[in-house]
Amino acid sequence: KLYCQTDGMSIDELLGDDDVVVLESGKIQSNNMAFLFGFITASIYMYAKYCPGNFLADDQYETLLVVEEANRVLTGESQAGESGIQGQSIFEEMLDQAAGLGLFVFSITQQPSKMPTSILANSGLLFAGRMTIDADIEIMLTALGRDTKFDDRQIKKFFPKSPTGWFICKSSRTFDYKESEAV
């Protein structure tokens, strides 16, 4: 139960029956917001993992989870390793395994350079739109499989000039090397 109370709300109740549920942080302080949304996000994944039949069971609904400002919520080994904690974080595992459980996770950030590299590495699809900060451009070029110093200088120049709504996309969930090429 959320909030550790007997009359609290379960994850299943929070998700509802084929509903759209939006959780807004409002004016919650940044550290508290990261903890609460991280807790809820991890709880939804753990529910999907241990629920009989996952979100693919007949009595469940496939679920889409969108995490906006993901750089403030999702943590990975590249951040945790600094404090001595080792191993795969719950968020790395979630991005890697959730789709097979019927939970589809979209993490959105306007600052990819602030995302842990291990989170980017476990993302199956990458969409990179207009960016102007050099650190963001370089991290996305690396995530797209490019050499930031040598390869595809035209892509590096494209990001700041990219029209609104245009993206470079890459899938890492394929066995054909031609299909994994960024487009």
Protein backbone atom coordinates (compact mmCIF):
# COMPACT_ATOMS: atom_id res chain seq x y z
CA LYS A 1 0.00 0.00 0.00
CA LEU A 2 1.20 3.51 -0.80
CA TYR A 3 2.00 5.68 2.20
CA CYS A 4 2.23 2.57 4.45
CA GLN A 5 -1.30 2.91 5.80
CA THR A 6 -3.97 0.23 5.98
CA ASP A 7 -6.42 2.53 4.18
CA GLY A 8 -3.79 3.61 1.64
CA MET A 9 -4.07 3.21 -2.11
CA SER A 10 -2.63 0.16 -3.84
CA ILE A 11 -0.70 0.43 -7.11
CA ASP A 12 -3.56 -1.37 -8.88
CA GLU A 13 -6.01 1.24 -7.57
CA LEU A 14 -3.66 4.05 -8.59
CA LEU A 15 -3.43 2.74 -12.15
CA GLY A 16 -7.19 2.31 -12.41
CA ASP A 17 -9.15 0.37 -15.03
CA ASP A 18 -8.03 1.50 -18.47
CA ASP A 19 -7.80 5.10 -17.26
CA VAL A 20 -5.32 7.86 -17.83
CA VAL A 21 -3.71 8.87 -14.56
CA VAL A 22 -1.53 11.97 -14.41
CA LEU A 23 0.65 12.60 -11.39
CA GLU A 24 1.79 16.21 -11.05
CA SER A 25 4.41 17.38 -8.59
CA GLY A 26 2.89 20.83 -8.19
CA LYS A 27 5.07 22.76 -5.78
CA ILE A 28 6.72 19.77 -4.10
CA GLN A 29 10.35 20.49 -3.26
CA SER A 30 12.80 19.02 -5.81
CA ASN A 31 14.37 16.35 -3.56
CA ASN A 32 10.99 15.24 -2.20
CA MET A 33 9.55 15.14 -5.73
CA ALA A 34 12.42 12.95 -6.97
CA PHE A 35 11.93 10.55 -4.04
CA LEU A 36 8.12 10.32 -4.32
CA PHE A 37 8.00 9.94 -8.10
CA GLY A 38 10.93 7.52 -8.03
CA PHE A 39 9.11 5.48 -5.39
CA ILE A 40 5.85 5.43 -7.36
CA THR A 41 7.63 4.60 -10.64
CA ALA A 42 9.61 1.75 -9.06
CA SER A 43 6.43 0.48 -7.34
CA ILE A 44 4.54 0.34 -10.64
CA TYR A 45 7.40 -1.68 -12.16
CA MET A 46 7.59 -4.04 -9.17
CA TYR A 47 3.81 -4.54 -9.32
CA ALA A 48 4.09 -5.40 -13.04
CA LYS A 49 6.96 -7.77 -12.30
CA TYR A 50 5.30 -9.73 -9.50
CA CYS A 51 1.61 -9.53 -10.50
CA PRO A 52 0.53 -12.96 -11.81
CA GLY A 53 0.58 -12.67 -15.60
CA ASN A 54 2.09 -9.18 -15.30
CA PHE A 55 0.19 -6.48 -17.18
CA LEU A 56 -0.38 -9.03 -19.95
CA ALA A 57 -2.93 -11.08 -17.95
CA ASP A 58 -6.58 -11.09 -19.05
CA ASP A 59 -7.67 -9.12 -15.96
CA GLN A 60 -4.98 -6.45 -16.44
CA TYR A 61 -4.34 -3.69 -18.95
CA GLU A 62 -1.12 -3.04 -20.80
CA THR A 63 0.19 0.11 -19.19
CA LEU A 64 2.07 3.11 -20.49
CA LEU A 65 4.17 5.04 -17.99
CA VAL A 66 5.54 8.44 -19.03
CA VAL A 67 8.22 9.93 -16.78
CA GLU A 68 8.76 13.58 -17.57
CA GLU A 69 11.86 15.35 -16.28
CA ALA A 70 13.33 11.86 -16.07
CA ASN A 71 16.78 13.21 -15.26
CA ARG A 72 15.38 14.18 -11.83
CA VAL A 73 13.67 10.84 -11.12
CA LEU A 74 15.55 7.99 -12.82
CA THR A 75 18.91 7.12 -11.32
CA GLY A 76 21.45 4.66 -12.60
CA GLU A 77 24.83 3.15 -11.91
CA SER A 78 26.67 6.18 -13.27
CA GLN A 79 25.16 8.24 -10.43
CA ALA A 80 24.90 5.56 -7.75
CA GLY A 81 28.50 4.41 -8.31
CA GLU A 82 29.75 7.69 -6.90
CA SER A 83 28.31 6.84 -3.48
CA GLY A 84 29.67 3.30 -3.44
CA ILE A 85 26.46 1.49 -4.42
CA GLN A 86 27.05 -1.00 -7.20
CA GLY A 87 24.82 -3.09 -9.39
CA GLN A 88 21.86 -2.38 -11.62
CA SER A 89 19.37 0.18 -10.30
CA ILE A 90 15.65 -0.57 -10.34
CA PHE A 91 15.24 2.02 -13.10
CA GLU A 92 17.88 0.41 -15.34
CA GLU A 93 16.15 -2.93 -14.87
CA MET A 94 12.75 -1.36 -15.53
CA LEU A 95 13.82 0.23 -18.83
CA ASP A 96 15.42 -3.03 -19.90
CA GLN A 97 12.67 -5.48 -18.90
CA ALA A 98 9.33 -3.65 -18.54
CA ALA A 99 8.03 -4.01 -22.12
CA GLY A 100 8.03 -7.80 -21.77
CA LEU A 101 5.72 -7.39 -18.75
CA GLY A 102 3.20 -5.17 -20.55
CA LEU A 103 4.57 -1.96 -19.00
CA PHE A 104 5.84 0.52 -21.55
CA VAL A 105 8.05 3.26 -20.08
CA PHE A 106 8.78 6.55 -21.81
CA SER A 107 11.34 8.77 -20.13
CA ILE A 108 11.45 12.37 -21.31
CA THR A 109 14.12 14.92 -20.56
CA GLN A 110 15.19 18.23 -21.99
CA GLN A 111 18.68 17.67 -20.58
CA PRO A 112 20.06 14.30 -21.73
CA SER A 113 23.52 15.16 -20.42
CA LYS A 114 22.08 15.05 -16.89
CA MET A 115 20.67 11.54 -17.40
CA PRO A 116 22.81 8.66 -16.14
CA THR A 117 24.56 7.02 -19.10
CA SER A 118 23.39 3.63 -17.83
CA ILE A 119 19.76 4.77 -18.18
CA LEU A 120 20.38 5.89 -21.77
CA ALA A 121 22.11 2.58 -22.49
CA ASN A 122 19.07 0.59 -21.29
CA SER A 123 16.59 2.61 -23.36
CA GLY A 124 15.27 0.63 -26.33
CA LEU A 125 14.26 3.66 -28.41
CA LEU A 126 15.95 7.03 -28.51
CA PHE A 127 14.38 10.17 -29.97
CA ALA A 128 16.64 13.23 -30.13
CA GLY A 129 15.14 16.56 -31.16
CA ARG A 130 16.41 20.12 -31.16
CA MET A 131 19.29 20.67 -28.74
CA THR A 132 21.63 23.61 -28.33
CA ILE A 133 23.80 22.67 -25.33
CA ASP A 134 27.06 21.03 -26.46
CA ALA A 135 27.05 18.46 -23.62
CA ASP A 136 23.53 17.33 -24.59
CA ILE A 137 24.49 17.03 -28.26
CA GLU A 138 27.60 14.99 -27.46
CA ILE A 139 25.83 12.57 -25.13
CA MET A 140 23.09 11.97 -27.71
CA LEU A 141 25.60 11.48 -30.52
CA THR A 142 27.30 8.83 -28.39
CA ALA A 143 23.91 7.22 -27.57
CA LEU A 144 23.11 7.18 -31.29
CA GLY A 145 26.37 5.29 -31.92
CA ARG A 146 28.40 8.15 -33.36
CA ASP A 147 31.89 9.42 -32.61
CA THR A 148 31.37 12.96 -31.31
CA LYS A 149 34.83 14.16 -32.43
CA PHE A 150 34.97 12.68 -35.92
CA ASP A 151 31.88 10.96 -37.25
CA ASP A 152 28.82 12.75 -38.63
CA ARG A 153 29.69 16.39 -38.07
CA GLN A 154 26.59 17.27 -40.09
CA ILE A 155 24.38 15.64 -37.43
CA LYS A 156 26.16 17.65 -34.74
CA LYS A 157 25.37 20.80 -36.72
CA PHE A 158 21.80 19.62 -37.40
CA PHE A 159 20.64 19.45 -33.76
CA PRO A 160 20.70 23.21 -33.01
CA LYS A 161 19.00 24.01 -36.35
CA SER A 162 16.49 21.16 -36.25
CA PRO A 163 12.90 22.23 -36.94
CA THR A 164 10.50 21.79 -34.03
CA GLY A 165 9.02 18.29 -34.11
CA TRP A 166 11.86 16.70 -36.09
CA PHE A 167 13.75 13.89 -34.38
CA ILE A 168 16.61 11.50 -35.01
CA CYS A 169 15.43 8.06 -33.87
CA LYS A 170 17.30 4.87 -33.03
CA SER A 171 16.09 1.42 -31.95
CA SER A 172 18.39 -0.91 -30.08
CA ARG A 173 15.78 -3.71 -29.87
CA THR A 174 16.60 -5.36 -33.18
CA PHE A 175 18.97 -8.06 -34.37
CA ASP A 176 19.52 -6.60 -37.83
CA TYR A 177 22.37 -4.09 -37.77
CA LYS A 178 20.78 -2.14 -40.65
CA GLU A 179 17.55 -1.64 -38.67
CA SER A 180 19.47 -0.37 -35.64
CA GLU A 181 20.92 2.51 -37.65
CA ALA A 182 19.70 5.95 -36.53
CA VAL A 183 17.22 7.61 -38.92
